[in-house]
Every structure is written in C-alpha cells, then in structure tokens.
Amino acid sequence: MRVAVVGLGAMGSTHYNLLRKMDDVRIIALVDIDPVRTEKKAAECGANQYQDLNKMLAKEEPDFVFICTPSYLHSEQALMIMKHGIHVLTEKPAALNKDDLQSLLQSAKDNNVMFMTAQVLRFWPEYVWLKTVTKSNIYGKLLHLNMWRIGQKPISSWQDWMLDKEKSGLVPFDLHIHDIDFMVYLLGIPEEDDFYQDCFEINSAPGQIVETTCQYKNGARVLAKAAWYNSQVPFQMGYEAIFEEGYAEYRQGSLVFYPNNGGKITPIDESFLAGSEINVTNASGYHNEIRYFIDCIRNNQPPSIVNGEELLAVLSMLT
C-alpha cells in the first residue's frame, strides 16, 4: 500500500511513525512547507520529499494520502487529491463548515474513492469498550456519561494558526469535536431541543472553554467539557460512565469497571480486543484507524464506522 503524508507537524509525525512500522505499507512521498521536517524522515523511509502538494500529485501515484496539515487546509487539499482518483484519510476536522464537508462527501462519490476523517475515539480501545457494552446492555442501560478533554492553550503552532478561529475553529474543533463525535457514534444524533452548548472566555482567551449537555430520549444524559487553559495544564482526556449495573472510569490512561455487586474489573484484555467489531488492537487508536482505512481500501468497502451523516451532525452541533 503506497501512501503519501501531507503535513509533518505533531500529528503528521505521529502518523508517519506508525505508517513506517507497518510491513505492508510503503511511504513514497512526504509533503511539508518546511523542508527541514521532511529531510530526515525522507532519508529514513526512502520517500521523495516535496514542499508543494500539486507537484507531488503530478509525479507520484499513492494509493492513499494522509492529510495532517492545519485544519483550514483539509477540505481544499482533500478535494484536490480525490480529483486525481486517490483515496484520502484526513485528520479531523475534515472541514470547518457543513458546505465544505458536503463537497468532500460528494467528491468521494464522484471520483469513486474512499474518504475518511480520522475521528480517533471511534478506534480507541477504551472507547470501543464503552461502545460495545452500551450496545450489548451487558451492564444494563447507560444512564450517565461525563467526558472531558483539557490542556494548555497551544503556544507553538505554525504562524499561530491554532489561535485563529477562522483557521482552527478553536476549542470546539480542536478538542471538543472528539467527545461530541463519540457521543453521536455511541448514542445517535440527538434531537435539537435535547442538546445545549455553551462556549465562553476566560482570561481573554477566546473560545477557551466549551461545555455541552445532552439529554437523550432513551434516558441517557451526557456531559462533555473541553478547554484550553493559559496555565501549563498537562493534556488530559477521559470519561466516567454510570450503567444500571455498575460504574466505569477511564482516567490517566487506565480503564476500570466497578460492578454494583462489588469488586472491580480491568476490561481491556486480549479476548475483548480480538472480539471487538472493528478489530482493534492494544496499540493506539491512531494505529487502529489507519489499519481500518487500509482494510476498507483493500476490500473496496467504504468506511462505515465514520459516516457522513454523523460527521455533518457533529459540525452542526459545533457551529
């Protein structure tokens, strides 16, 4: 499977390192506006390096391209790539508005290619567990879910694009999108009157904190919070879930379930991973999403785990 990676910042480098370790993948091209970023990596993997996406597309024939550039470039670059008949996996968000996302979904159909947004929580083992037990009702109904995603305000993005609302969407599109997307994946698209969101400022940092409350008709209540803080707060993500028959907590990278009848369970084991619907492994969700997309290409099956209807609903909730 021949792949090109576009954008080699923090996330691009993460995905590059994962792709480089896959025996059935060959990185043939790296694209970044800064040649210093591509030089060492291109030497490591034998890839050609480019500063211009158009030039790469004119010379290379990748099976798919992984877009890891700043958010405001995703939709424009994805459209360009799909017009060449090439499959596209893009970092989130695929677009910063619904019109652009609709264009991407239509382009994938028109050009008969696979297109997927890397909504990584759908592939993260601890969140896959939550989806699995909620769907199966093995611990009864999910009654309450609290999710969080917080960290320090970005201070080192290229040309400070992360702090420009028109380019990044700020906290809603950088952090909150993950938990809102997973909420929709887990429980479905809520009705408009069941959903409330508040975005407010602290210490002159626009859009620094976002809080969402959703009361589903089936009784499940969801709370979600995302924030950038001016202080040096380490990045944290997690959840607590209350079921009719127990309580689950995912915090600091560890998932524990406490049944109502006593004791505790650490649910992520090899038997669960082997039996999961999307064939996740104990590797990171980043690894799992890439493997899933590759399988979709090989099997000629459009990605169903991340689907257009839900992506459009999530954008509606964030804007």
C-alpha atoms as a PDB file:
ATOM      1  CA  MET A   1       0.000   0.000   0.000  1.00  0.00           C
ATOM      2  CA  ARG A   2       1.668   3.197  -1.191  1.00  0.00           C
ATOM      3  CA  VAL A   3       0.997   6.262   0.958  1.00  0.00           C
ATOM      4  CA  ALA A   4       1.904   9.938   0.961  1.00  0.00           C
ATOM      5  CA  VAL A   5       1.795  12.013   4.151  1.00  0.00           C
ATOM      6  CA  VAL A   6       0.979  15.717   3.823  1.00  0.00           C
ATOM      7  CA  GLY A   7       1.971  17.827   6.813  1.00  0.00           C
ATOM      8  CA  LEU A   8       4.649  16.714   9.279  1.00  0.00           C
ATOM      9  CA  GLY A   9       3.836  18.654  12.410  1.00  0.00           C
ATOM     10  CA  ALA A  10       2.958  16.886  15.656  1.00  0.00           C
ATOM     11  CA  MET A  11       0.124  14.727  14.285  1.00  0.00           C
ATOM     12  CA  GLY A  12       1.774  14.172  10.903  1.00  0.00           C
ATOM     13  CA  SER A  13       4.906  12.905  12.615  1.00  0.00           C
ATOM     14  CA  THR A  14       2.832  10.614  14.829  1.00  0.00           C
ATOM     15  CA  HIS A  15       1.123   9.050  11.820  1.00  0.00           C
ATOM     16  CA  TYR A  16       4.375   8.898   9.865  1.00  0.00           C
ATOM     17  CA  ASN A  17       5.997   6.860  12.654  1.00  0.00           C
ATOM     18  CA  LEU A  18       3.076   4.429  12.726  1.00  0.00           C
ATOM     19  CA  LEU A  19       2.973   4.006   8.949  1.00  0.00           C
ATOM     20  CA  ARG A  20       6.730   3.448   8.790  1.00  0.00           C
ATOM     21  CA  LYS A  21       6.415   0.431  11.118  1.00  0.00           C
ATOM     22  CA  MET A  22       3.722  -1.300   9.033  1.00  0.00           C
ATOM     23  CA  ASP A  23       5.162  -4.121   6.929  1.00  0.00           C
ATOM     24  CA  ASP A  24       2.516  -3.828   4.222  1.00  0.00           C
ATOM     25  CA  VAL A  25       2.815  -0.052   3.789  1.00  0.00           C
ATOM     26  CA  ARG A  26       5.405   1.953   1.877  1.00  0.00           C
ATOM     27  CA  ILE A  27       5.680   5.713   2.354  1.00  0.00           C
ATOM     28  CA  ILE A  28       6.515   7.019  -1.102  1.00  0.00           C
ATOM     29  CA  ALA A  29       6.180  10.778  -0.545  1.00  0.00           C
ATOM     30  CA  LEU A  30       6.302  13.372   2.220  1.00  0.00           C
ATOM     31  CA  VAL A  31       4.933  16.885   1.762  1.00  0.00           C
ATOM     32  CA  ASP A  32       5.549  19.835   4.049  1.00  0.00           C
ATOM     33  CA  ILE A  33       6.133  23.539   3.521  1.00  0.00           C
ATOM     34  CA  ASP A  34       9.242  23.226   5.710  1.00  0.00           C
ATOM     35  CA  PRO A  35      11.908  21.046   4.013  1.00  0.00           C
ATOM     36  CA  VAL A  36      13.722  20.570   7.330  1.00  0.00           C
ATOM     37  CA  ARG A  37      10.758  18.489   8.522  1.00  0.00           C
ATOM     38  CA  THR A  38      10.852  16.173   5.528  1.00  0.00           C
ATOM     39  CA  GLU A  39      14.593  15.734   5.001  1.00  0.00           C
ATOM     40  CA  LYS A  40      15.389  13.332   7.844  1.00  0.00           C
ATOM     41  CA  LYS A  41      12.157  11.385   7.534  1.00  0.00           C
ATOM     42  CA  ALA A  42      12.530  11.008   3.758  1.00  0.00           C
ATOM     43  CA  ALA A  43      16.004   9.573   4.291  1.00  0.00           C
ATOM     44  CA  GLU A  44      14.646   7.144   6.901  1.00  0.00           C
ATOM     45  CA  CYS A  45      11.947   5.650   4.705  1.00  0.00           C
ATOM     46  CA  GLY A  46      13.249   6.269   1.183  1.00  0.00           C
ATOM     47  CA  ALA A  47      10.407   8.619   0.302  1.00  0.00           C
ATOM     48  CA  ASN A  48      10.539  11.538  -2.090  1.00  0.00           C
ATOM     49  CA  GLN A  49      10.057  14.931  -0.469  1.00  0.00           C
ATOM     50  CA  TYR A  50       8.019  17.885  -1.660  1.00  0.00           C
ATOM     51  CA  GLN A  51       7.036  21.343  -0.486  1.00  0.00           C
ATOM     52  CA  ASP A  52       4.053  21.542  -2.844  1.00  0.00           C
ATOM     53  CA  LEU A  53       1.098  19.141  -2.897  1.00  0.00           C
ATOM     54  CA  ASN A  54       0.368  19.750  -6.583  1.00  0.00           C
ATOM     55  CA  LYS A  55       3.901  18.787  -7.557  1.00  0.00           C
ATOM     56  CA  MET A  56       3.662  15.586  -5.529  1.00  0.00           C
ATOM     57  CA  LEU A  57       0.377  14.642  -7.190  1.00  0.00           C
ATOM     58  CA  ALA A  58       1.883  15.283 -10.628  1.00  0.00           C
ATOM     59  CA  LYS A  59       4.796  12.926 -10.015  1.00  0.00           C
ATOM     60  CA  GLU A  60       3.629  10.241  -7.571  1.00  0.00           C
ATOM     61  CA  GLU A  61       0.916   7.572  -7.584  1.00  0.00           C
ATOM     62  CA  PRO A  62      -0.003   6.862  -3.951  1.00  0.00           C
ATOM     63  CA  ASP A  63      -2.864   4.535  -3.105  1.00  0.00           C
ATOM     64  CA  PHE A  64      -3.927   6.975  -0.418  1.00  0.00           C
ATOM     65  CA  VAL A  65      -2.865  10.280   1.078  1.00  0.00           C
ATOM     66  CA  PHE A  66      -2.982  11.096   4.778  1.00  0.00           C
ATOM     67  CA  ILE A  67      -3.659  14.818   5.298  1.00  0.00           C
ATOM     68  CA  CYS A  68      -2.188  16.158   8.548  1.00  0.00           C
ATOM     69  CA  THR A  69      -1.919  19.859   7.743  1.00  0.00           C
ATOM     70  CA  PRO A  70      -3.603  22.736   9.654  1.00  0.00           C
ATOM     71  CA  SER A  71      -7.369  22.336   9.833  1.00  0.00           C
ATOM     72  CA  TYR A  72      -8.314  25.114   7.406  1.00  0.00           C
ATOM     73  CA  LEU A  73      -6.394  23.351   4.610  1.00  0.00           C
ATOM     74  CA  HIS A  74      -8.016  19.917   4.955  1.00  0.00           C
ATOM     75  CA  SER A  75     -11.033  20.322   2.697  1.00  0.00           C
ATOM     76  CA  GLU A  76      -9.192  22.122  -0.117  1.00  0.00           C
ATOM     77  CA  GLN A  77      -6.391  19.553  -0.152  1.00  0.00           C
ATOM     78  CA  ALA A  78      -8.746  16.565   0.096  1.00  0.00           C
ATOM     79  CA  LEU A  79     -10.743  17.781  -2.914  1.00  0.00           C
ATOM     80  CA  MET A  80      -7.535  18.237  -4.891  1.00  0.00           C
ATOM     81  CA  ILE A  81      -6.353  14.718  -4.080  1.00  0.00           C
ATOM     82  CA  MET A  82      -9.668  12.971  -4.753  1.00  0.00           C
ATOM     83  CA  LYS A  83      -9.873  14.588  -8.199  1.00  0.00           C
ATOM     84  CA  HIS A  84      -6.751  12.553  -9.007  1.00  0.00           C
ATOM     85  CA  GLY A  85      -8.646   9.355  -8.132  1.00  0.00           C
ATOM     86  CA  ILE A  86      -6.691   8.847  -4.910  1.00  0.00           C
ATOM     87  CA  HIS A  87      -8.165   7.716  -1.576  1.00  0.00           C
ATOM     88  CA  VAL A  88      -7.985  10.231   1.300  1.00  0.00           C
ATOM     89  CA  LEU A  89      -7.621   9.825   5.040  1.00  0.00           C
ATOM     90  CA  THR A  90      -7.645  13.220   6.741  1.00  0.00           C
ATOM     91  CA  GLU A  91      -7.018  14.376  10.258  1.00  0.00           C
ATOM     92  CA  LYS A  92     -10.001  15.942  11.955  1.00  0.00           C
ATOM     93  CA  PRO A  93     -11.824  18.102  11.225  1.00  0.00           C
ATOM     94  CA  ALA A  94     -12.432  17.209   7.606  1.00  0.00           C
ATOM     95  CA  ALA A  95     -13.839  20.717   7.202  1.00  0.00           C
ATOM     96  CA  LEU A  96     -14.762  23.714   9.308  1.00  0.00           C
ATOM     97  CA  ASN A  97     -18.276  24.057   7.886  1.00  0.00           C
ATOM     98  CA  LYS A  98     -21.042  21.830   6.538  1.00  0.00           C
ATOM     99  CA  ASP A  99     -20.894  23.084   2.953  1.00  0.00           C
ATOM    100  CA  ASP A 100     -17.252  22.096   2.591  1.00  0.00           C
ATOM    101  CA  LEU A 101     -17.906  18.722   4.196  1.00  0.00           C
ATOM    102  CA  GLN A 102     -20.821  18.082   1.817  1.00  0.00           C
ATOM    103  CA  SER A 103     -18.484  18.842  -1.092  1.00  0.00           C
ATOM    104  CA  LEU A 104     -15.962  16.319   0.216  1.00  0.00           C
ATOM    105  CA  LEU A 105     -18.546  13.573   0.611  1.00  0.00           C
ATOM    106  CA  GLN A 106     -19.871  14.240  -2.889  1.00  0.00           C
ATOM    107  CA  SER A 107     -16.366  14.291  -4.380  1.00  0.00           C
ATOM    108  CA  ALA A 108     -15.622  10.863  -2.913  1.00  0.00           C
ATOM    109  CA  LYS A 109     -18.701   9.505  -4.704  1.00  0.00           C
ATOM    110  CA  ASP A 110     -17.992  11.310  -7.959  1.00  0.00           C
ATOM    111  CA  ASN A 111     -14.387  10.102  -8.084  1.00  0.00           C
ATOM    112  CA  ASN A 112     -15.137   6.605  -6.742  1.00  0.00           C
ATOM    113  CA  VAL A 113     -12.609   6.851  -3.928  1.00  0.00           C
ATOM    114  CA  MET A 114     -12.567   6.181  -0.184  1.00  0.00           C
ATOM    115  CA  PHE A 115     -12.697   9.198   2.097  1.00  0.00           C
ATOM    116  CA  MET A 116     -12.469   9.063   5.885  1.00  0.00           C
ATOM    117  CA  THR A 117     -11.958  11.538   8.691  1.00  0.00           C
ATOM    118  CA  ALA A 118      -9.666  10.285  11.450  1.00  0.00           C
ATOM    119  CA  GLN A 119     -12.140  10.535  14.333  1.00  0.00           C
ATOM    120  CA  VAL A 120      -9.821   8.559  16.531  1.00  0.00           C
ATOM    121  CA  LEU A 121     -12.046   7.884  19.566  1.00  0.00           C
ATOM    122  CA  ARG A 122     -14.113   5.520  17.437  1.00  0.00           C
ATOM    123  CA  PHE A 123     -10.967   3.350  17.307  1.00  0.00           C
ATOM    124  CA  TRP A 124      -9.541   3.933  20.785  1.00  0.00           C
ATOM    125  CA  PRO A 125      -9.737   0.633  22.752  1.00  0.00           C
ATOM    126  CA  GLU A 126     -11.254   2.132  25.924  1.00  0.00           C
ATOM    127  CA  TYR A 127     -13.922   3.955  23.918  1.00  0.00           C
ATOM    128  CA  VAL A 128     -14.569   0.887  21.759  1.00  0.00           C
ATOM    129  CA  TRP A 129     -15.219  -0.971  25.031  1.00  0.00           C
ATOM    130  CA  LEU A 130     -17.740   1.705  26.052  1.00  0.00           C
ATOM    131  CA  LYS A 131     -19.492   1.417  22.691  1.00  0.00           C
ATOM    132  CA  THR A 132     -19.531  -2.386  22.919  1.00  0.00           C
ATOM    133  CA  VAL A 133     -21.008  -2.647  26.425  1.00  0.00           C
ATOM    134  CA  THR A 134     -23.540   0.117  25.762  1.00  0.00           C
ATOM    135  CA  LYS A 135     -24.769  -1.607  22.612  1.00  0.00           C
ATOM    136  CA  SER A 136     -24.929  -5.047  24.258  1.00  0.00           C
ATOM    137  CA  ASN A 137     -26.559  -3.836  27.518  1.00  0.00           C
ATOM    138  CA  ILE A 138     -24.298  -6.298  29.338  1.00  0.00           C
ATOM    139  CA  TYR A 139     -24.301  -3.950  32.351  1.00  0.00           C
ATOM    140  CA  GLY A 140     -27.778  -2.621  31.748  1.00  0.00           C
ATOM    141  CA  LYS A 141     -28.595   0.737  30.212  1.00  0.00           C
ATOM    142  CA  LEU A 142     -26.133   3.585  30.102  1.00  0.00           C
ATOM    143  CA  LEU A 143     -27.606   6.241  32.384  1.00  0.00           C
ATOM    144  CA  HIS A 144     -24.961   8.964  32.559  1.00  0.00           C
ATOM    145  CA  LEU A 145     -21.744   9.756  30.676  1.00  0.00           C
ATOM    146  CA  ASN A 146     -19.273  12.500  31.554  1.00  0.00           C
ATOM    147  CA  MET A 147     -16.363  13.144  29.133  1.00  0.00           C
ATOM    148  CA  TRP A 148     -13.524  15.632  29.308  1.00  0.00           C
ATOM    149  CA  ARG A 149     -10.605  16.822  27.196  1.00  0.00           C
ATOM    150  CA  ILE A 150      -8.454  19.645  28.511  1.00  0.00           C
ATOM    151  CA  GLY A 151      -4.943  21.055  28.203  1.00  0.00           C
ATOM    152  CA  GLN A 152      -2.759  24.121  27.834  1.00  0.00           C
ATOM    153  CA  LYS A 153      -3.612  26.684  25.176  1.00  0.00           C
ATOM    154  CA  PRO A 154      -1.442  25.991  22.087  1.00  0.00           C
ATOM    155  CA  ILE A 155       1.631  28.185  22.115  1.00  0.00           C
ATOM    156  CA  SER A 156       3.739  26.850  19.257  1.00  0.00           C
ATOM    157  CA  SER A 157       1.572  26.217  16.176  1.00  0.00           C
ATOM    158  CA  TRP A 158       2.862  27.291  12.758  1.00  0.00           C
ATOM    159  CA  GLN A 159       2.209  31.033  12.403  1.00  0.00           C
ATOM    160  CA  ASP A 160      -0.136  30.684  15.426  1.00  0.00           C
ATOM    161  CA  TRP A 161      -2.837  29.189  13.212  1.00  0.00           C
ATOM    162  CA  MET A 162      -4.331  27.317  16.185  1.00  0.00           C
ATOM    163  CA  LEU A 163      -5.269  30.637  17.828  1.00  0.00           C
ATOM    164  CA  ASP A 164      -7.059  31.928  14.713  1.00  0.00           C
ATOM    165  CA  LYS A 165     -10.745  30.990  14.824  1.00  0.00           C
ATOM    166  CA  GLU A 166     -11.072  31.065  11.021  1.00  0.00           C
ATOM    167  CA  LYS A 167      -8.222  28.581  10.657  1.00  0.00           C
ATOM    168  CA  SER A 168      -8.670  26.190  13.592  1.00  0.00           C
ATOM    169  CA  GLY A 169     -12.181  26.660  14.941  1.00  0.00           C
ATOM    170  CA  LEU A 170     -10.511  26.991  18.379  1.00  0.00           C
ATOM    171  CA  VAL A 171     -11.507  24.655  21.226  1.00  0.00           C
ATOM    172  CA  PRO A 172     -14.715  23.322  19.609  1.00  0.00           C
ATOM    173  CA  PHE A 173     -12.855  21.965  16.572  1.00  0.00           C
ATOM    174  CA  ASP A 174      -9.530  21.186  18.238  1.00  0.00           C
ATOM    175  CA  LEU A 175     -10.736  19.279  21.312  1.00  0.00           C
ATOM    176  CA  HIS A 176     -14.492  19.184  21.793  1.00  0.00           C
ATOM    177  CA  ILE A 177     -15.131  17.626  18.389  1.00  0.00           C
ATOM    178  CA  HIS A 178     -13.719  14.333  19.654  1.00  0.00           C
ATOM    179  CA  ASP A 179     -16.191  13.872  22.504  1.00  0.00           C
ATOM    180  CA  ILE A 180     -19.185  15.211  20.579  1.00  0.00           C
ATOM    181  CA  ASP A 181     -18.336  12.882  17.705  1.00  0.00           C
ATOM    182  CA  PHE A 182     -18.092   9.921  20.079  1.00  0.00           C
ATOM    183  CA  MET A 183     -21.373  10.859  21.756  1.00  0.00           C
ATOM    184  CA  VAL A 184     -23.095  10.755  18.363  1.00  0.00           C
ATOM    185  CA  TYR A 185     -21.388   7.461  17.489  1.00  0.00           C
ATOM    186  CA  LEU A 186     -22.379   5.966  20.845  1.00  0.00           C
ATOM    187  CA  LEU A 187     -25.969   7.155  21.239  1.00  0.00           C
ATOM    188  CA  GLY A 188     -27.035   8.596  17.891  1.00  0.00           C
ATOM    189  CA  ILE A 189     -27.787  12.085  16.626  1.00  0.00           C
ATOM    190  CA  PRO A 190     -29.711  13.955  19.332  1.00  0.00           C
ATOM    191  CA  GLU A 191     -32.785  15.998  18.630  1.00  0.00           C
ATOM    192  CA  GLU A 192     -32.139  19.719  18.525  1.00  0.00           C
ATOM    193  CA  ASP A 193     -34.053  20.514  21.699  1.00  0.00           C
ATOM    194  CA  ASP A 194     -32.139  17.842  23.658  1.00  0.00           C
ATOM    195  CA  PHE A 195     -28.760  19.487  23.084  1.00  0.00           C
ATOM    196  CA  TYR A 196     -27.277  22.566  24.787  1.00  0.00           C
ATOM    197  CA  GLN A 197     -23.770  24.001  24.341  1.00  0.00           C
ATOM    198  CA  ASP A 198     -22.014  26.957  25.945  1.00  0.00           C
ATOM    199  CA  CYS A 199     -18.720  28.420  24.749  1.00  0.00           C
ATOM    200  CA  PHE A 200     -17.153  31.153  26.863  1.00  0.00           C
ATOM    201  CA  GLU A 201     -13.953  33.063  27.519  1.00  0.00           C
ATOM    202  CA  ILE A 202     -11.601  33.193  30.469  1.00  0.00           C
ATOM    203  CA  ASN A 203      -8.553  35.459  30.754  1.00  0.00           C
ATOM    204  CA  SER A 204      -9.100  36.890  27.263  1.00  0.00           C
ATOM    205  CA  ALA A 205      -8.631  33.519  25.561  1.00  0.00           C
ATOM    206  CA  PRO A 206     -11.494  33.251  23.020  1.00  0.00           C
ATOM    207  CA  GLY A 207     -13.434  30.022  22.996  1.00  0.00           C
ATOM    208  CA  GLN A 208     -11.306  28.645  25.782  1.00  0.00           C
ATOM    209  CA  ILE A 209     -13.943  26.513  27.485  1.00  0.00           C
ATOM    210  CA  VAL A 210     -16.805  24.607  25.863  1.00  0.00           C
ATOM    211  CA  GLU A 211     -19.428  22.688  27.830  1.00  0.00           C
ATOM    212  CA  THR A 212     -22.150  20.523  26.331  1.00  0.00           C
ATOM    213  CA  THR A 213     -25.174  18.859  27.889  1.00  0.00           C
ATOM    214  CA  CYS A 214     -27.366  16.379  26.051  1.00  0.00           C
ATOM    215  CA  GLN A 215     -30.416  14.550  27.384  1.00  0.00           C
ATOM    216  CA  TYR A 216     -31.350  11.647  25.111  1.00  0.00           C
ATOM    217  CA  LYS A 217     -34.923  10.450  24.868  1.00  0.00           C
ATOM    218  CA  ASN A 218     -33.811   6.959  25.979  1.00  0.00           C
ATOM    219  CA  GLY A 219     -32.792   8.423  29.350  1.00  0.00           C
ATOM    220  CA  ALA A 220     -29.033   8.680  28.865  1.00  0.00           C
ATOM    221  CA  ARG A 221     -27.560  12.004  29.929  1.00  0.00           C
ATOM    222  CA  VAL A 222     -24.235  13.210  28.518  1.00  0.00           C
ATOM    223  CA  LEU A 223     -21.975  15.961  29.785  1.00  0.00           C
ATOM    224  CA  ALA A 224     -18.823  16.969  27.925  1.00  0.00           C
ATOM    225  CA  LYS A 225     -16.191  19.604  28.605  1.00  0.00           C
ATOM    226  CA  ALA A 226     -13.205  20.799  26.596  1.00  0.00           C
ATOM    227  CA  ALA A 227     -10.813  23.589  27.480  1.00  0.00           C
ATOM    228  CA  TRP A 228      -7.590  25.370  26.711  1.00  0.00           C
ATOM    229  CA  TYR A 229      -6.039  26.868  29.837  1.00  0.00           C
ATOM    230  CA  ASN A 230      -3.406  29.603  29.991  1.00  0.00           C
ATOM    231  CA  SER A 231      -1.558  27.677  32.702  1.00  0.00           C
ATOM    232  CA  GLN A 232       0.650  24.678  31.929  1.00  0.00           C
ATOM    233  CA  VAL A 233      -2.021  22.032  32.400  1.00  0.00           C
ATOM    234  CA  PRO A 234      -0.955  18.608  31.085  1.00  0.00           C
ATOM    235  CA  PHE A 235      -3.286  17.229  28.417  1.00  0.00           C
ATOM    236  CA  GLN A 236      -5.995  15.016  29.895  1.00  0.00           C
ATOM    237  CA  MET A 237      -8.858  13.059  28.410  1.00  0.00           C
ATOM    238  CA  GLY A 238     -11.225  10.567  29.949  1.00  0.00           C
ATOM    239  CA  TYR A 239     -14.744   9.631  30.923  1.00  0.00           C
ATOM    240  CA  GLU A 240     -16.936   8.233  33.648  1.00  0.00           C
ATOM    241  CA  ALA A 241     -19.980   6.152  32.711  1.00  0.00           C
ATOM    242  CA  ILE A 242     -22.789   5.065  35.002  1.00  0.00           C
ATOM    243  CA  PHE A 243     -24.723   1.943  33.985  1.00  0.00           C
ATOM    244  CA  GLU A 244     -27.664   0.310  35.705  1.00  0.00           C
ATOM    245  CA  GLU A 245     -25.277  -2.364  36.995  1.00  0.00           C
ATOM    246  CA  GLY A 246     -22.022  -0.534  37.561  1.00  0.00           C
ATOM    247  CA  TYR A 247     -19.649   2.381  37.093  1.00  0.00           C
ATOM    248  CA  ALA A 248     -16.778   2.743  34.623  1.00  0.00           C
ATOM    249  CA  GLU A 249     -13.942   5.239  34.791  1.00  0.00           C
ATOM    250  CA  TYR A 250     -11.267   5.961  32.188  1.00  0.00           C
ATOM    251  CA  ARG A 251      -8.681   8.290  33.672  1.00  0.00           C
ATOM    252  CA  GLN A 252      -4.952   8.815  33.104  1.00  0.00           C
ATOM    253  CA  GLY A 253      -4.846   6.036  30.537  1.00  0.00           C
ATOM    254  CA  SER A 254      -6.458   3.379  32.737  1.00  0.00           C
ATOM    255  CA  LEU A 255      -9.974   1.914  32.435  1.00  0.00           C
ATOM    256  CA  VAL A 256     -11.662   0.282  35.432  1.00  0.00           C
ATOM    257  CA  PHE A 257     -15.230  -1.033  35.814  1.00  0.00           C
ATOM    258  CA  TYR A 258     -16.840  -1.361  39.253  1.00  0.00           C
ATOM    259  CA  PRO A 259     -19.888  -3.706  39.246  1.00  0.00           C
ATOM    260  CA  ASN A 260     -22.691  -2.919  41.690  1.00  0.00           C
ATOM    261  CA  ASN A 261     -22.197  -6.319  43.337  1.00  0.00           C
ATOM    262  CA  GLY A 262     -18.625  -5.494  44.374  1.00  0.00           C
ATOM    263  CA  GLY A 263     -15.070  -5.811  43.157  1.00  0.00           C
ATOM    264  CA  LYS A 264     -13.530  -4.231  40.076  1.00  0.00           C
ATOM    265  CA  ILE A 265     -12.660  -5.286  36.551  1.00  0.00           C
ATOM    266  CA  THR A 266      -9.986  -4.065  34.140  1.00  0.00           C
ATOM    267  CA  PRO A 267     -11.908  -4.773  30.949  1.00  0.00           C
ATOM    268  CA  ILE A 268      -9.371  -4.207  28.165  1.00  0.00           C
ATOM    269  CA  ASP A 269      -7.790  -7.615  27.623  1.00  0.00           C
ATOM    270  CA  GLU A 270      -6.818  -9.692  24.608  1.00  0.00           C
ATOM    271  CA  SER A 271     -10.159 -11.534  24.483  1.00  0.00           C
ATOM    272  CA  PHE A 272     -12.083  -8.275  24.258  1.00  0.00           C
ATOM    273  CA  LEU A 273      -9.738  -6.824  21.665  1.00  0.00           C
ATOM    274  CA  ALA A 274      -9.944  -9.951  19.497  1.00  0.00           C
ATOM    275  CA  GLY A 275     -13.743  -9.922  19.629  1.00  0.00           C
ATOM    276  CA  SER A 276     -14.313  -6.246  19.004  1.00  0.00           C
ATOM    277  CA  GLU A 277     -16.372  -5.300  15.970  1.00  0.00           C
ATOM    278  CA  ILE A 278     -13.636  -3.226  14.357  1.00  0.00           C
ATOM    279  CA  ASN A 279     -10.684  -5.500  15.137  1.00  0.00           C
ATOM    280  CA  VAL A 280      -8.912  -3.050  17.429  1.00  0.00           C
ATOM    281  CA  THR A 281      -5.578  -3.925  18.991  1.00  0.00           C
ATOM    282  CA  ASN A 282      -3.879  -2.781  22.174  1.00  0.00           C
ATOM    283  CA  ALA A 283      -1.981  -0.305  20.014  1.00  0.00           C
ATOM    284  CA  SER A 284      -3.151   3.286  19.929  1.00  0.00           C
ATOM    285  CA  GLY A 285      -6.364   4.394  18.305  1.00  0.00           C
ATOM    286  CA  TYR A 286      -4.198   6.141  15.709  1.00  0.00           C
ATOM    287  CA  HIS A 287      -2.812   2.786  14.614  1.00  0.00           C
ATOM    288  CA  ASN A 288      -6.260   1.189  14.600  1.00  0.00           C
ATOM    289  CA  GLU A 289      -7.857   3.898  12.444  1.00  0.00           C
ATOM    290  CA  ILE A 290      -5.101   3.611   9.835  1.00  0.00           C
ATOM    291  CA  ARG A 291      -5.434  -0.181   9.708  1.00  0.00           C
ATOM    292  CA  TYR A 292      -9.203   0.126   9.338  1.00  0.00           C
ATOM    293  CA  PHE A 293      -8.881   2.564   6.434  1.00  0.00           C
ATOM    294  CA  ILE A 294      -6.358   0.312   4.683  1.00  0.00           C
ATOM    295  CA  ASP A 295      -8.754  -2.630   5.078  1.00  0.00           C
ATOM    296  CA  CYS A 296     -11.561  -0.539   3.562  1.00  0.00           C
ATOM    297  CA  ILE A 297      -9.408   0.173   0.503  1.00  0.00           C
ATOM    298  CA  ARG A 298      -8.317  -3.435   0.116  1.00  0.00           C
ATOM    299  CA  ASN A 299     -11.853  -4.779   0.496  1.00  0.00           C
ATOM    300  CA  ASN A 300     -13.397  -1.996  -1.605  1.00  0.00           C
ATOM    301  CA  GLN A 301     -15.789  -1.217   1.252  1.00  0.00           C
ATOM    302  CA  PRO A 302     -16.488   2.462   2.036  1.00  0.00           C
ATOM    303  CA  PRO A 303     -15.764   3.334   5.694  1.00  0.00           C
ATOM    304  CA  SER A 304     -18.933   2.762   7.685  1.00  0.00           C
ATOM    305  CA  ILE A 305     -17.604   3.362  11.195  1.00  0.00           C
ATOM    306  CA  VAL A 306     -17.070   7.042  10.358  1.00  0.00           C
ATOM    307  CA  ASN A 307     -20.004   8.061   8.172  1.00  0.00           C
ATOM    308  CA  GLY A 308     -21.011  11.302   6.509  1.00  0.00           C
ATOM    309  CA  GLU A 309     -24.400  11.742   8.180  1.00  0.00           C
ATOM    310  CA  GLU A 310     -22.867  11.687  11.646  1.00  0.00           C
ATOM    311  CA  LEU A 311     -19.968  13.950  10.641  1.00  0.00           C
ATOM    312  CA  LEU A 312     -22.430  16.529   9.319  1.00  0.00           C
ATOM    313  CA  ALA A 313     -24.456  16.335  12.525  1.00  0.00           C
ATOM    314  CA  VAL A 314     -21.341  16.903  14.625  1.00  0.00           C
ATOM    315  CA  LEU A 315     -20.411  20.003  12.618  1.00  0.00           C
ATOM    316  CA  SER A 316     -23.945  21.337  13.140  1.00  0.00           C
ATOM    317  CA  MET A 317     -23.535  20.936  16.896  1.00  0.00           C
ATOM    318  CA  LEU A 318     -20.188  22.732  16.927  1.00  0.00           C
ATOM    319  CA  THR A 319     -21.147  25.754  14.821  1.00  0.00           C
END
